[in-house]
Amino acid sequence: MTVEEPPTVTVNMDAIREEAEAYAKEHMAKYADPCHDWWHVARVRDTALRIARTLNPLPDLVLVELAALYHDLLDSKFHASPTAAHLALSTHLSHTLLLPPPLVSDILRIVGTVSYKKEVAYRRKVEEEGDGGRCGWREGCCELWCVQDADMLDAMGAVGVMRAASFSVRLGQPLHLPYGIRTSTNPPTTIPATHPQGHDNDEDSLANLRLGAGPPTATRHFPDKLLRLKDMLKTEEGRRMGVRRHERMVEFLRWVVDEEEVGGWEWKVGGASCWY
């Protein structure tokens, strides 16, 4: 008796890509946020596909591309109701794009899992619970790894510097505060022991000591988050790309510190003079 192969599901990727890009552009345009705009989405899509093509076996490139295009659509920063956002995206995938249910499910799962906050929470859970806290799907989904790495890489390097500044301006935060003001508000901090990724090199420790104190600023965002990303990348190609981007951020922070020191500024804090 001959066993028949199940029918292969085919999709018109050119038409689907056009619809998906239009949907992502319309969604991201609502927020007037240059660090979470269409061009961020496009860079993440291109980088995710670049990473995916280096893997063996080759991931599902359709899944990688669509998950990357939609990766910010369920982000809690942009929604008062996560349930409504999930339903809207599910309806779009199923009824507008007419994607097969397994592909819809995989896209929604990746988009709902991809964020930095959820990755940090997952790593903390594994650290606390051991193997009992692990998720088999998360540990084995290479399409997820491609999109996560691409999203983190876009927060690093020269583009990451610009996005950090843009995000701080959007939140009404200063770009940078002088050392005296930073240390008068809070003492210099170290990477929290509870964080799943620590730092074991002098450059990161220096940047954290000098910049990671005081109220939120663009420069504080580096030790708080951006300098941690290199150690969170999951694919070989992502880690290779991350090394150079990490070095660029560290060099940028050196320039920030150097320009403060060259300026020799004196700042009045609580009636006392504070020299850097």
Protein backbone atom coordinates (compact mmCIF):
# COMPACT_ATOMS: atom_id res chain seq x y z
CA MET A 1 0.00 0.00 0.00
CA THR A 2 1.38 3.40 -0.98
CA VAL A 3 1.30 6.13 1.65
CA GLU A 4 0.42 9.45 0.08
CA GLU A 5 2.34 12.55 1.08
CA PRO A 6 0.20 15.27 2.67
CA PRO A 7 -0.56 18.13 0.28
CA THR A 8 2.02 20.92 0.37
CA VAL A 9 0.64 24.28 1.42
CA THR A 10 1.84 26.97 -0.97
CA VAL A 11 1.53 30.71 -0.49
CA ASN A 12 1.97 33.59 -2.93
CA MET A 13 4.80 35.21 -1.01
CA ASP A 14 5.02 38.30 -3.22
CA ALA A 15 1.37 39.20 -2.60
CA ILE A 16 1.59 38.29 1.09
CA ARG A 17 4.76 40.33 1.55
CA GLU A 18 3.10 43.38 -0.01
CA GLU A 19 0.07 43.05 2.29
CA ALA A 20 2.23 42.41 5.35
CA GLU A 21 4.48 45.40 4.68
CA ALA A 22 1.48 47.70 4.18
CA TYR A 23 -0.09 46.48 7.44
CA ALA A 24 3.14 46.97 9.41
CA LYS A 25 3.71 50.43 7.90
CA GLU A 26 0.19 51.54 8.78
CA HIS A 27 0.48 50.21 12.32
CA MET A 28 3.89 51.69 13.11
CA ALA A 29 2.97 55.09 11.58
CA LYS A 30 0.41 55.60 14.37
CA TYR A 31 3.06 56.15 17.01
CA ALA A 32 5.38 58.78 15.47
CA ASP A 33 8.28 56.97 17.12
CA PRO A 34 11.48 56.97 15.03
CA CYS A 35 13.03 54.16 17.05
CA HIS A 36 9.98 51.92 16.49
CA ASP A 37 8.99 52.86 12.96
CA TRP A 38 8.69 51.07 9.64
CA TRP A 39 12.42 51.40 8.97
CA HIS A 40 13.21 49.60 12.22
CA VAL A 41 10.85 46.81 11.12
CA ALA A 42 12.48 46.66 7.68
CA ARG A 43 15.98 46.43 9.16
CA VAL A 44 14.90 43.66 11.53
CA ARG A 45 13.30 41.74 8.64
CA ASP A 46 16.43 42.01 6.47
CA THR A 47 18.79 41.06 9.32
CA ALA A 48 16.61 38.14 10.42
CA LEU A 49 16.63 36.73 6.88
CA ARG A 50 20.39 37.23 6.65
CA ILE A 51 20.88 35.29 9.88
CA ALA A 52 18.41 32.60 8.84
CA ARG A 53 20.29 31.90 5.59
CA THR A 54 23.44 31.07 7.56
CA LEU A 55 21.76 28.31 9.58
CA ASN A 56 21.85 24.62 8.77
CA PRO A 57 19.26 23.24 8.44
CA LEU A 58 17.63 26.24 6.81
CA PRO A 59 14.75 27.70 8.86
CA ASP A 60 11.32 28.42 7.41
CA LEU A 61 12.10 31.69 5.64
CA VAL A 62 8.43 32.58 5.18
CA LEU A 63 7.90 32.29 8.94
CA VAL A 64 11.06 34.30 9.67
CA GLU A 65 10.08 37.11 7.33
CA LEU A 66 6.48 37.43 8.45
CA ALA A 67 7.32 37.17 12.16
CA ALA A 68 9.94 39.90 11.68
CA LEU A 69 7.50 42.18 9.84
CA TYR A 70 4.94 41.82 12.63
CA HIS A 71 7.38 41.58 15.55
CA ASP A 72 6.38 44.88 17.24
CA LEU A 73 2.63 44.61 16.71
CA LEU A 74 1.93 42.96 20.07
CA ASP A 75 4.38 45.10 22.05
CA SER A 76 2.74 46.33 25.26
CA LYS A 77 4.19 49.82 24.69
CA PHE A 78 1.70 50.30 21.89
CA HIS A 79 -1.48 48.67 23.24
CA ALA A 80 -3.89 49.27 26.08
CA SER A 81 -5.39 45.83 25.46
CA PRO A 82 -3.00 42.98 24.56
CA THR A 83 -6.01 40.71 23.97
CA ALA A 84 -7.48 43.08 21.38
CA ALA A 85 -4.09 43.47 19.68
CA HIS A 86 -3.66 39.70 19.49
CA LEU A 87 -7.16 39.27 18.04
CA ALA A 88 -6.58 41.99 15.43
CA LEU A 89 -3.33 40.44 14.24
CA SER A 90 -4.80 36.93 14.23
CA THR A 91 -7.76 38.14 12.16
CA HIS A 92 -5.44 39.88 9.70
CA LEU A 93 -3.29 36.78 9.26
CA SER A 94 -6.23 34.41 8.90
CA HIS A 95 -8.79 36.44 6.99
CA THR A 96 -6.81 39.00 5.03
CA LEU A 97 -3.68 37.03 4.19
CA LEU A 98 -5.55 33.68 4.27
CA LEU A 99 -2.54 31.95 5.80
CA PRO A 100 -2.86 28.31 6.88
CA PRO A 101 -3.66 27.91 10.62
CA PRO A 102 -0.29 26.32 11.57
CA LEU A 103 1.58 29.28 10.07
CA VAL A 104 -0.74 31.77 11.80
CA SER A 105 -0.12 30.00 15.11
CA ASP A 106 3.65 30.05 14.66
CA ILE A 107 3.71 33.75 13.73
CA LEU A 108 1.60 34.71 16.74
CA ARG A 109 3.76 32.61 19.04
CA ILE A 110 6.99 34.22 17.88
CA VAL A 111 5.58 37.77 17.90
CA GLY A 112 4.23 37.21 21.40
CA THR A 113 7.58 35.91 22.66
CA VAL A 114 10.21 38.01 20.89
CA SER A 115 10.58 40.99 23.25
CA TYR A 116 13.63 41.74 25.39
CA LYS A 117 11.54 41.90 28.56
CA LYS A 118 10.06 38.47 27.96
CA GLU A 119 13.47 37.02 27.17
CA VAL A 120 14.93 38.43 30.40
CA ALA A 121 11.96 37.07 32.39
CA TYR A 122 12.38 33.65 30.78
CA ARG A 123 16.10 33.52 31.55
CA ARG A 124 15.46 34.53 35.12
CA LYS A 125 12.87 31.76 35.44
CA VAL A 126 15.33 29.18 34.11
CA GLU A 127 17.99 30.50 36.47
CA GLU A 128 15.63 30.14 39.44
CA GLU A 129 13.92 26.87 38.48
CA GLY A 130 16.56 25.07 36.43
CA ASP A 131 15.42 22.70 33.70
CA GLY A 132 11.90 22.78 35.11
CA GLY A 133 11.60 26.37 33.95
CA ARG A 134 12.65 25.67 30.40
CA CYS A 135 10.30 25.83 27.40
CA GLY A 136 11.10 23.24 24.74
CA TRP A 137 9.59 25.28 21.91
CA ARG A 138 11.51 28.39 22.89
CA GLU A 139 14.78 26.49 23.18
CA GLY A 140 14.36 24.87 19.76
CA CYS A 141 12.67 27.44 17.50
CA CYS A 142 15.42 28.75 15.23
CA GLU A 143 12.97 31.13 13.52
CA LEU A 144 12.43 32.82 16.88
CA TRP A 145 16.19 33.08 17.40
CA CYS A 146 16.61 34.82 14.02
CA VAL A 147 13.98 37.47 14.79
CA GLN A 148 15.17 37.99 18.37
CA ASP A 149 18.80 38.40 17.33
CA ALA A 150 17.84 40.80 14.54
CA ASP A 151 15.74 42.91 16.92
CA MET A 152 18.53 43.07 19.50
CA LEU A 153 21.14 43.87 16.86
CA ASP A 154 19.08 46.87 15.76
CA ALA A 155 19.37 48.20 19.32
CA MET A 156 23.17 47.97 19.12
CA GLY A 157 25.94 49.78 17.27
CA ALA A 158 25.58 53.14 15.52
CA VAL A 159 21.87 52.68 14.89
CA GLY A 160 21.42 51.66 18.52
CA VAL A 161 23.05 54.92 19.66
CA MET A 162 20.61 56.95 17.55
CA ARG A 163 17.63 54.90 18.70
CA ALA A 164 18.59 55.30 22.37
CA ALA A 165 18.71 59.08 21.97
CA SER A 166 15.42 59.11 20.09
CA PHE A 167 13.67 56.97 22.69
CA SER A 168 14.86 59.18 25.56
CA VAL A 169 13.61 62.30 23.78
CA ARG A 170 10.24 60.63 23.21
CA LEU A 171 10.01 59.93 26.95
CA GLY A 172 11.08 63.46 27.86
CA GLN A 173 14.37 62.29 29.39
CA PRO A 174 17.73 64.10 29.16
CA LEU A 175 20.29 62.77 26.75
CA HIS A 176 22.95 62.87 29.45
CA LEU A 177 23.55 64.30 32.92
CA PRO A 178 26.88 65.39 34.45
CA TYR A 179 28.62 63.00 36.80
CA GLY A 180 27.98 65.13 39.88
CA ILE A 181 24.23 65.18 39.32
CA ARG A 182 24.13 61.47 38.50
CA THR A 183 25.97 60.45 41.66
CA SER A 184 24.12 62.90 43.89
CA THR A 185 20.84 61.21 42.92
CA ASN A 186 21.98 57.61 43.24
CA PRO A 187 25.38 56.07 43.90
CA PRO A 188 27.09 54.43 40.91
CA THR A 189 25.42 51.10 40.29
CA THR A 190 26.61 47.68 39.22
CA ILE A 191 24.81 45.10 37.12
CA PRO A 192 22.15 43.58 39.41
CA ALA A 193 23.02 40.07 40.58
CA THR A 194 19.48 39.00 39.67
CA HIS A 195 20.03 39.80 36.01
CA PRO A 196 20.70 36.65 33.96
CA GLN A 197 23.59 38.26 32.12
CA GLY A 198 26.47 39.83 33.99
CA HIS A 199 29.59 41.53 32.64
CA ASP A 200 33.08 40.20 33.00
CA ASN A 201 35.11 42.71 31.03
CA ASP A 202 36.60 46.03 32.11
CA GLU A 203 34.99 48.10 29.34
CA ASP A 204 31.43 47.19 30.33
CA SER A 205 32.20 47.59 34.02
CA LEU A 206 33.71 51.04 33.45
CA ALA A 207 30.76 52.18 31.35
CA ASN A 208 28.36 50.89 33.99
CA LEU A 209 30.22 52.57 36.85
CA ARG A 210 30.56 55.93 35.12
CA LEU A 211 27.19 56.15 33.39
CA GLY A 212 24.73 53.80 35.12
CA ALA A 213 23.62 56.04 37.95
CA GLY A 214 21.09 58.74 38.57
CA PRO A 215 17.81 59.43 36.75
CA PRO A 216 16.98 57.80 33.40
CA THR A 217 18.89 59.27 30.45
CA ALA A 218 19.92 58.10 27.00
CA THR A 219 23.42 57.27 28.23
CA ARG A 220 22.13 55.35 31.25
CA HIS A 221 20.17 53.14 28.83
CA PHE A 222 23.48 51.60 27.72
CA PRO A 223 24.49 49.94 31.01
CA ASP A 224 20.85 49.33 31.91
CA LYS A 225 20.16 47.34 28.73
CA LEU A 226 22.16 47.84 25.55
CA LEU A 227 25.53 46.61 26.81
CA ARG A 228 23.83 43.39 27.94
CA LEU A 229 22.57 42.44 24.51
CA LYS A 230 25.82 40.98 23.15
CA ASP A 231 25.66 38.12 25.64
CA MET A 232 22.01 37.40 24.86
CA LEU A 233 22.39 36.75 21.12
CA LYS A 234 21.58 33.16 20.19
CA THR A 235 22.87 32.45 16.67
CA GLU A 236 26.47 32.26 15.51
CA GLU A 237 25.92 34.92 12.85
CA GLY A 238 24.08 37.13 15.32
CA ARG A 239 26.93 36.88 17.81
CA ARG A 240 29.47 37.63 15.07
CA MET A 241 27.57 40.77 14.08
CA GLY A 242 27.04 41.71 17.72
CA VAL A 243 30.77 41.87 18.55
CA ARG A 244 31.40 44.85 16.26
CA ARG A 245 28.19 46.63 17.21
CA HIS A 246 28.99 46.22 20.90
CA GLU A 247 32.46 47.65 20.36
CA ARG A 248 30.97 50.70 18.64
CA MET A 249 28.72 51.39 21.63
CA VAL A 250 31.62 51.07 24.09
CA GLU A 251 33.68 53.45 21.95
CA PHE A 252 30.79 55.92 21.87
CA LEU A 253 30.59 55.84 25.67
CA ARG A 254 34.32 56.48 25.87
CA TRP A 255 33.76 59.61 23.78
CA VAL A 256 30.97 60.74 26.13
CA VAL A 257 33.24 60.37 29.17
CA ASP A 258 36.17 61.97 27.34
CA GLU A 259 34.13 65.02 26.34
CA GLU A 260 32.90 65.46 29.91
CA GLU A 261 36.45 65.35 31.24
CA VAL A 262 37.81 67.71 28.59
CA GLY A 263 35.06 70.20 29.39
CA GLY A 264 36.08 70.37 33.06
CA TRP A 265 32.57 71.47 33.92
CA GLU A 266 31.59 72.42 37.44
CA TRP A 267 28.02 71.68 38.47
CA LYS A 268 26.21 72.98 41.54
CA VAL A 269 24.34 70.24 43.37
CA GLY A 270 22.69 71.06 46.70
CA GLY A 271 24.87 74.15 47.11
CA ALA A 272 28.15 72.22 46.73
CA SER A 273 30.46 72.13 43.75
CA CYS A 274 30.80 68.76 42.08
CA TRP A 275 33.72 68.19 39.77
CA TYR A 276 33.81 65.19 37.48
